[in-house]
Protein backbone atom coordinates (compact mmCIF):
# COMPACT_ATOMS: atom_id res chain seq x y z
CA UNK A 1 0.00 0.00 0.00
CA UNK A 2 1.35 3.43 -0.97
CA UNK A 3 2.20 5.72 1.85
CA UNK A 4 0.15 8.94 1.82
CA UNK A 5 0.77 12.26 3.42
CA UNK A 6 -1.82 14.87 4.36
CA UNK A 7 -0.67 18.44 3.98
CA UNK A 8 -1.79 21.53 5.80
CA UNK A 9 -4.63 22.09 3.35
CA UNK A 10 -5.98 18.60 3.85
CA UNK A 11 -4.83 17.29 0.43
CA UNK A 12 -3.78 13.67 0.40
CA UNK A 13 -0.72 12.58 -1.69
CA UNK A 14 2.41 10.47 -1.66
CA UNK A 15 4.83 10.85 1.23
CA UNK A 16 7.86 13.19 0.42
CA UNK A 17 10.36 10.44 1.35
CA UNK A 18 8.63 8.18 -1.17
CA UNK A 19 8.92 10.87 -3.86
CA UNK A 20 12.67 11.26 -3.07
CA UNK A 21 13.28 7.53 -3.40
CA UNK A 22 11.35 7.31 -6.66
CA UNK A 23 13.42 10.16 -8.18
CA UNK A 24 16.65 8.22 -7.52
CA UNK A 25 15.49 5.02 -9.14
CA UNK A 26 17.43 3.69 -12.10
CA UNK A 27 15.57 4.48 -15.32
CA UNK A 28 13.87 1.65 -17.14
CA UNK A 29 15.50 0.29 -20.31
CA UNK A 30 14.30 1.96 -23.46
CA UNK A 31 13.30 5.13 -21.65
CA UNK A 32 16.31 7.48 -21.84
CA UNK A 33 14.16 10.43 -21.02
CA UNK A 34 14.04 9.37 -17.37
CA UNK A 35 17.87 9.11 -16.99
CA UNK A 36 18.98 10.65 -13.71
CA UNK A 37 21.80 13.14 -13.16
CA UNK A 38 24.04 10.51 -11.53
CA UNK A 39 23.84 8.15 -14.52
CA UNK A 40 24.51 11.01 -16.94
CA UNK A 41 27.73 11.99 -15.13
CA UNK A 42 29.04 8.49 -14.33
CA UNK A 43 28.92 7.28 -17.94
CA UNK A 44 31.14 9.93 -19.59
CA UNK A 45 33.67 9.86 -16.75
CA UNK A 46 33.97 6.06 -16.98
CA UNK A 47 34.38 6.21 -20.75
CA UNK A 48 36.99 8.95 -20.45
CA UNK A 49 38.96 6.84 -17.98
CA UNK A 50 38.87 3.85 -20.33
CA UNK A 51 40.06 5.98 -23.25
CA UNK A 52 42.91 7.39 -21.12
CA UNK A 53 44.00 3.88 -20.12
CA UNK A 54 43.98 2.67 -23.73
CA UNK A 55 45.82 5.78 -24.91
CA UNK A 56 48.58 5.48 -22.31
CA UNK A 57 48.87 1.70 -22.22
CA UNK A 58 51.34 1.58 -25.14
CA UNK A 59 53.39 4.44 -23.77
CA UNK A 60 53.62 2.81 -20.35
CA UNK A 61 54.59 -0.48 -21.97
CA UNK A 62 57.52 1.14 -23.77
CA UNK A 63 58.48 2.98 -20.57
CA UNK A 64 58.47 -0.20 -18.51
CA UNK A 65 60.59 -1.96 -21.11
CA UNK A 66 63.14 0.88 -21.12
CA UNK A 67 63.30 0.91 -17.32
CA UNK A 68 63.85 -2.87 -17.23
CA UNK A 69 66.63 -2.68 -19.82
CA UNK A 70 68.28 0.22 -18.01
CA UNK A 71 68.01 -1.62 -14.70
CA UNK A 72 69.50 -4.82 -16.09
CA UNK A 73 72.36 -3.26 -18.09
CA UNK A 74 73.19 -0.22 -15.91
CA UNK A 75 71.90 -0.40 -12.34
CA UNK A 76 72.57 -4.10 -11.78
CA UNK A 77 76.22 -3.90 -12.97
CA UNK A 78 76.83 -0.92 -10.67
CA UNK A 79 75.37 -2.76 -7.68
CA UNK A 80 77.27 -5.91 -8.63
CA UNK A 81 80.52 -3.94 -8.93
CA UNK A 82 79.99 -2.42 -5.49
CA UNK A 83 79.56 -5.90 -3.99
CA UNK A 84 82.53 -7.38 -5.86
CA UNK A 85 84.78 -4.59 -4.56
CA UNK A 86 84.43 -6.13 -1.06
CA UNK A 87 84.50 -9.78 -2.11
CA UNK A 88 87.03 -12.30 -3.37
CA UNK A 89 86.33 -15.40 -5.43
CA UNK A 90 88.63 -18.39 -5.18
CA UNK A 91 87.86 -21.87 -6.46
CA UNK A 92 84.26 -20.91 -7.19
CA UNK A 93 83.67 -19.77 -3.59
CA UNK A 94 83.00 -16.12 -2.78
CA UNK A 95 83.87 -14.60 0.57
CA UNK A 96 83.85 -11.12 2.03
CA UNK A 97 87.29 -9.55 2.42
CA UNK A 98 86.37 -6.00 3.42
CA UNK A 99 88.92 -3.41 2.27
CA UNK A 100 91.55 -5.95 1.18
CA UNK A 101 90.89 -5.37 -2.51
CA UNK A 102 91.42 -1.63 -2.13
CA UNK A 103 94.64 -2.23 -0.18
CA UNK A 104 95.88 -4.57 -2.90
CA UNK A 105 95.09 -2.04 -5.62
CA UNK A 106 96.65 0.92 -3.80
CA UNK A 107 99.88 -1.02 -3.21
CA UNK A 108 100.19 -1.94 -6.89
CA UNK A 109 102.71 0.34 -8.70
CA UNK A 110 100.62 0.02 -11.88
CA UNK A 111 97.75 1.77 -10.08
CA UNK A 112 99.61 5.06 -9.75
CA UNK A 113 101.15 4.77 -13.21
CA UNK A 114 97.69 4.24 -14.70
CA UNK A 115 96.37 7.35 -12.95
CA UNK A 116 99.34 9.40 -14.18
CA UNK A 117 98.78 8.20 -17.73
CA UNK A 118 95.05 8.90 -17.48
CA UNK A 119 95.63 12.43 -16.22
CA UNK A 120 98.24 12.98 -18.94
CA UNK A 121 95.83 11.78 -21.60
CA UNK A 122 93.06 13.97 -20.16
CA UNK A 123 95.31 17.03 -20.13
CA UNK A 124 96.54 16.51 -23.69
CA UNK A 125 93.03 15.68 -24.90
CA UNK A 126 91.73 18.92 -23.40
CA UNK A 127 94.50 20.94 -25.04
CA UNK A 128 93.77 19.46 -28.46
CA UNK A 129 90.26 18.04 -28.25
CA UNK A 130 88.83 21.08 -26.44
CA UNK A 131 90.64 23.96 -28.12
CA UNK A 132 90.92 22.66 -31.69
CA UNK A 133 87.15 22.14 -32.20
CA UNK A 134 86.48 25.66 -30.90
CA UNK A 135 89.00 27.15 -33.33
CA UNK A 136 87.55 25.12 -36.20
CA UNK A 137 84.02 26.28 -35.28
CA UNK A 138 85.14 29.94 -35.26
CA UNK A 139 86.70 29.51 -38.70
CA UNK A 140 83.61 27.74 -40.10
CA UNK A 141 81.38 30.45 -38.71
CA UNK A 142 83.19 32.99 -40.88
CA UNK A 143 82.26 31.15 -44.07
CA UNK A 144 79.15 32.35 -45.86
CA UNK A 145 79.04 29.62 -48.52
CA UNK A 146 79.37 25.81 -48.47
CA UNK A 147 78.96 25.77 -44.69
CA UNK A 148 76.74 22.69 -44.82
CA UNK A 149 79.35 20.77 -46.82
CA UNK A 150 82.09 21.82 -44.39
CA UNK A 151 79.99 20.73 -41.39
CA UNK A 152 79.51 17.32 -42.97
CA UNK A 153 83.24 17.08 -43.68
CA UNK A 154 84.11 17.89 -40.06
CA UNK A 155 81.56 15.43 -38.67
CA UNK A 156 82.54 12.60 -41.01
CA UNK A 157 85.13 11.01 -38.63
CA UNK A 158 82.45 10.69 -35.93
CA UNK A 159 80.27 8.65 -38.29
CA UNK A 160 83.08 6.20 -39.02
CA UNK A 161 83.34 3.08 -36.81
CA UNK A 162 85.97 3.64 -34.09
CA UNK A 163 87.83 0.46 -35.04
CA UNK A 164 88.12 1.58 -38.67
CA UNK A 165 89.45 5.00 -37.60
CA UNK A 166 92.01 3.47 -35.24
CA UNK A 167 93.21 0.97 -37.85
CA UNK A 168 93.60 3.87 -40.27
CA UNK A 169 95.80 5.73 -37.79
CA UNK A 170 97.72 2.57 -37.03
CA UNK A 171 98.59 2.46 -40.71
CA UNK A 172 99.63 6.13 -40.59
CA UNK A 173 101.89 5.44 -37.58
CA UNK A 174 103.71 2.51 -39.17
CA UNK A 175 107.47 3.21 -38.87
CA UNK A 176 108.23 1.73 -42.31
CA UNK A 177 105.58 2.86 -44.78
CA UNK A 178 103.32 5.04 -42.63
CA UNK A 179 102.03 8.35 -43.93
CA UNK A 180 103.38 10.43 -41.05
CA UNK A 181 106.95 9.24 -41.48
CA UNK A 182 106.68 9.81 -45.22
CA UNK A 183 105.71 13.42 -44.52
CA UNK A 184 108.64 13.81 -42.12
CA UNK A 185 110.93 12.35 -44.71
CA UNK A 186 109.64 14.81 -47.31
CA UNK A 187 110.36 17.65 -44.86
CA UNK A 188 113.86 16.24 -44.22
CA UNK A 189 113.02 15.47 -40.59
CA UNK A 190 113.93 12.27 -38.73
CA UNK A 191 111.35 9.48 -38.64
CA UNK A 192 109.58 8.67 -35.40
CA UNK A 193 108.57 5.47 -33.66
CA UNK A 194 105.11 6.80 -33.00
CA UNK A 195 103.64 3.87 -31.06
CA UNK A 196 106.86 2.15 -30.03
CA UNK A 197 108.46 5.03 -28.10
CA UNK A 198 107.56 6.14 -24.58
CA UNK A 199 107.98 9.76 -25.67
CA UNK A 200 105.44 9.72 -28.49
CA UNK A 201 103.05 6.84 -27.69
CA UNK A 202 100.60 8.84 -25.57
CA UNK A 203 100.71 11.82 -27.95
CA UNK A 204 99.90 9.46 -30.83
CA UNK A 205 96.88 8.09 -28.96
CA UNK A 206 95.66 11.62 -28.20
CA UNK A 207 96.03 12.67 -31.84
CA UNK A 208 93.94 9.75 -33.07
CA UNK A 209 91.30 10.31 -30.39
CA UNK A 210 91.04 14.01 -31.21
CA UNK A 211 90.52 13.35 -34.90
CA UNK A 212 87.86 10.73 -34.15
CA UNK A 213 85.77 12.81 -31.72
CA UNK A 214 86.20 16.49 -32.59
CA UNK A 215 83.27 16.63 -35.01
CA UNK A 216 80.53 16.57 -32.37
CA UNK A 217 82.13 19.30 -30.26
CA UNK A 218 82.70 21.43 -33.37
CA UNK A 219 79.02 21.34 -34.33
CA UNK A 220 77.97 22.22 -30.77
CA UNK A 221 80.35 25.18 -30.76
CA UNK A 222 79.13 26.25 -34.19
CA UNK A 223 75.50 26.18 -33.05
CA UNK A 224 76.41 28.31 -30.03
CA UNK A 225 78.29 30.79 -32.22
CA UNK A 226 75.37 31.19 -34.58
CA UNK A 227 73.16 32.09 -31.62
CA UNK A 228 75.24 35.19 -30.82
CA UNK A 229 73.53 38.41 -32.03
CA UNK A 230 75.23 39.84 -35.10
CA UNK A 231 74.84 43.38 -33.76
CA UNK A 232 77.62 42.71 -31.29
CA UNK A 233 80.09 41.89 -34.04
CA UNK A 234 78.92 44.86 -36.13
CA UNK A 235 79.48 47.20 -33.22
CA UNK A 236 82.92 45.70 -32.65
CA UNK A 237 83.82 46.18 -36.31
CA UNK A 238 82.78 49.82 -36.10
CA UNK A 239 85.16 50.19 -33.17
CA UNK A 240 87.95 48.72 -35.28
CA UNK A 241 88.16 45.33 -33.52
CA UNK A 242 89.88 42.53 -35.38
CA UNK A 243 89.08 38.81 -35.37
CA UNK A 244 91.06 37.98 -32.24
CA UNK A 245 89.55 40.85 -30.24
CA UNK A 246 86.04 39.87 -31.33
CA UNK A 247 86.69 36.28 -30.27
CA UNK A 248 88.13 37.32 -26.90
CA UNK A 249 85.57 40.00 -25.98
CA UNK A 250 82.40 38.66 -27.66
CA UNK A 251 82.62 34.99 -28.67
CA UNK A 252 84.13 33.54 -25.50
CA UNK A 253 81.95 35.51 -23.02
CA UNK A 254 78.78 34.66 -24.99
CA UNK A 255 79.61 30.93 -25.07
CA UNK A 256 81.14 30.61 -21.60
CA UNK A 257 78.47 28.25 -20.29
CA UNK A 258 78.69 25.96 -23.34
CA UNK A 259 82.46 25.92 -22.97
CA UNK A 260 82.14 24.93 -19.31
CA UNK A 261 79.67 22.13 -20.05
CA UNK A 262 81.77 20.67 -22.85
CA UNK A 263 84.88 20.92 -20.69
CA UNK A 264 83.25 18.78 -18.00
CA UNK A 265 81.85 16.35 -20.57
CA UNK A 266 85.28 15.88 -22.12
CA UNK A 267 86.90 15.34 -18.72
CA UNK A 268 84.34 12.62 -17.96
CA UNK A 269 84.83 11.00 -21.38
CA UNK A 270 88.62 11.17 -21.57
CA UNK A 271 89.12 9.67 -18.12
CA UNK A 272 87.30 6.56 -19.37
CA UNK A 273 89.46 6.12 -22.47
CA UNK A 274 89.97 2.49 -23.43
CA UNK A 275 89.43 1.77 -27.12
CA UNK A 276 92.22 3.98 -28.50
CA UNK A 277 95.14 2.72 -26.36
CA UNK A 278 93.86 -0.85 -26.41
CA UNK A 279 93.77 -1.06 -30.22
CA UNK A 280 96.76 1.16 -31.00
CA UNK A 281 99.29 -0.09 -28.44
CA UNK A 282 97.71 -3.24 -27.07
CA UNK A 283 96.66 -1.41 -23.91
CA UNK A 284 99.92 -1.17 -21.99
CA UNK A 285 102.13 0.37 -24.65
CA UNK A 286 105.92 0.65 -24.37
CA UNK A 287 106.88 0.29 -20.70
CA UNK A 288 103.25 0.84 -19.67
CA UNK A 289 103.20 4.39 -21.06
CA UNK A 290 99.62 4.10 -22.38
CA UNK A 291 98.08 2.06 -19.55
CA UNK A 292 95.04 4.04 -18.42
CA UNK A 293 92.75 3.30 -15.48
CA UNK A 294 90.14 1.53 -17.61
CA UNK A 295 92.86 -0.50 -19.36
CA UNK A 296 94.16 -1.52 -15.92
CA UNK A 297 90.64 -2.55 -14.90
CA UNK A 298 90.52 -4.75 -18.01
CA UNK A 299 93.89 -6.27 -17.15
CA UNK A 300 92.85 -7.00 -13.56
CA UNK A 301 89.65 -8.71 -14.64
CA UNK A 302 90.65 -10.66 -17.78
CA UNK A 303 94.43 -11.01 -17.56
CA UNK A 304 94.97 -11.50 -13.82
CA UNK A 305 91.50 -12.86 -12.87
CA UNK A 306 91.40 -10.33 -10.02
CA UNK A 307 87.72 -9.39 -10.27
CA UNK A 308 87.70 -7.90 -6.80
CA UNK A 309 90.64 -5.64 -7.61
CA UNK A 310 89.02 -4.62 -10.91
CA UNK A 311 85.78 -3.78 -9.10
CA UNK A 312 87.65 -1.79 -6.44
CA UNK A 313 89.51 0.22 -9.07
CA UNK A 314 86.28 0.78 -11.01
CA UNK A 315 84.58 1.99 -7.83
CA UNK A 316 87.36 4.55 -7.29
CA UNK A 317 86.88 5.82 -10.85
CA UNK A 318 83.11 5.87 -10.35
CA UNK A 319 83.38 8.08 -7.26
CA UNK A 320 85.68 10.53 -9.05
CA UNK A 321 83.49 10.78 -12.14
CA UNK A 322 80.36 11.13 -10.00
CA UNK A 323 81.75 14.40 -8.68
CA UNK A 324 82.30 15.74 -12.20
CA UNK A 325 78.85 14.50 -13.23
CA UNK A 326 77.21 16.31 -10.30
CA UNK A 327 79.00 19.50 -11.33
CA UNK A 328 77.81 19.00 -14.92
CA UNK A 329 74.20 18.57 -13.79
CA UNK A 330 74.47 21.73 -11.69
CA UNK A 331 75.73 23.75 -14.65
CA UNK A 332 73.01 22.26 -16.88
CA UNK A 333 70.32 23.38 -14.44
CA UNK A 334 71.79 26.87 -14.34
CA UNK A 335 71.66 26.93 -18.12
CA UNK A 336 68.00 25.88 -18.20
CA UNK A 337 67.00 28.47 -15.57
């Protein structure tokens, strides 16, 4: 029986609570005209959520795959290296040795020689690999025609496989029929044992590395130079400034941040050099003159089977490069802000 309610005027009708419940009832099928406000709002929101899930499902799948690959090939090796630095494996059994691996590495004379060679390579690479690309970029920026062709010519060594470039330089360095000794002979200068002498081995490695990698830095410098307002150079020309004065007072101050970033990037890269000395001189070179830190890590692991020592030395290099990387990130943030 329907509940009735008698108002003040004596009229009899349905109870207000009954009316309220009837308004919230789900509409009957086939009668969209009685759809309530809740059903009208829940439907579009649910459909929008489903569309968002479908739209982002592929993107999240690719993201998860990239994170898994990065974790397996980057994070796991770093964690494994940290553990190996405090362990020692003998006869298939692994035991914790604490700081013994670091003590063994620090007492090895090759450790300090490798660091000296690495710092020497880094210093020479910065003199040539940092300054030469900047000079080349300044010269290319002065050209008004064929600049695209010249950029491609400068970047061509970067596109070549590193092994092919190193084998090419190994042919140039040959003491018998190499190109460099032929040039010295033409200039009536004595021939050099480029890779067989302790005096020229490291310089030869730096020369090959500079030629292989200078193209990328040159294009970055060139892009930075082309972003400098031309009015500054026009004003300098009106004041009678020459090329050197314009470079010193306009070009360098306007590209100071890019120079700083590339300087840190080259320090981080050159301190991890391995391919060039390994392929040109076999890693060690004459009397160990080209043994770098990464080459020594390779020797510890694969020549001496001292995986703990290799991990300890790699951890030392990791800590040093982490400081330079933090400084690079700081400068990058300053550039973005």
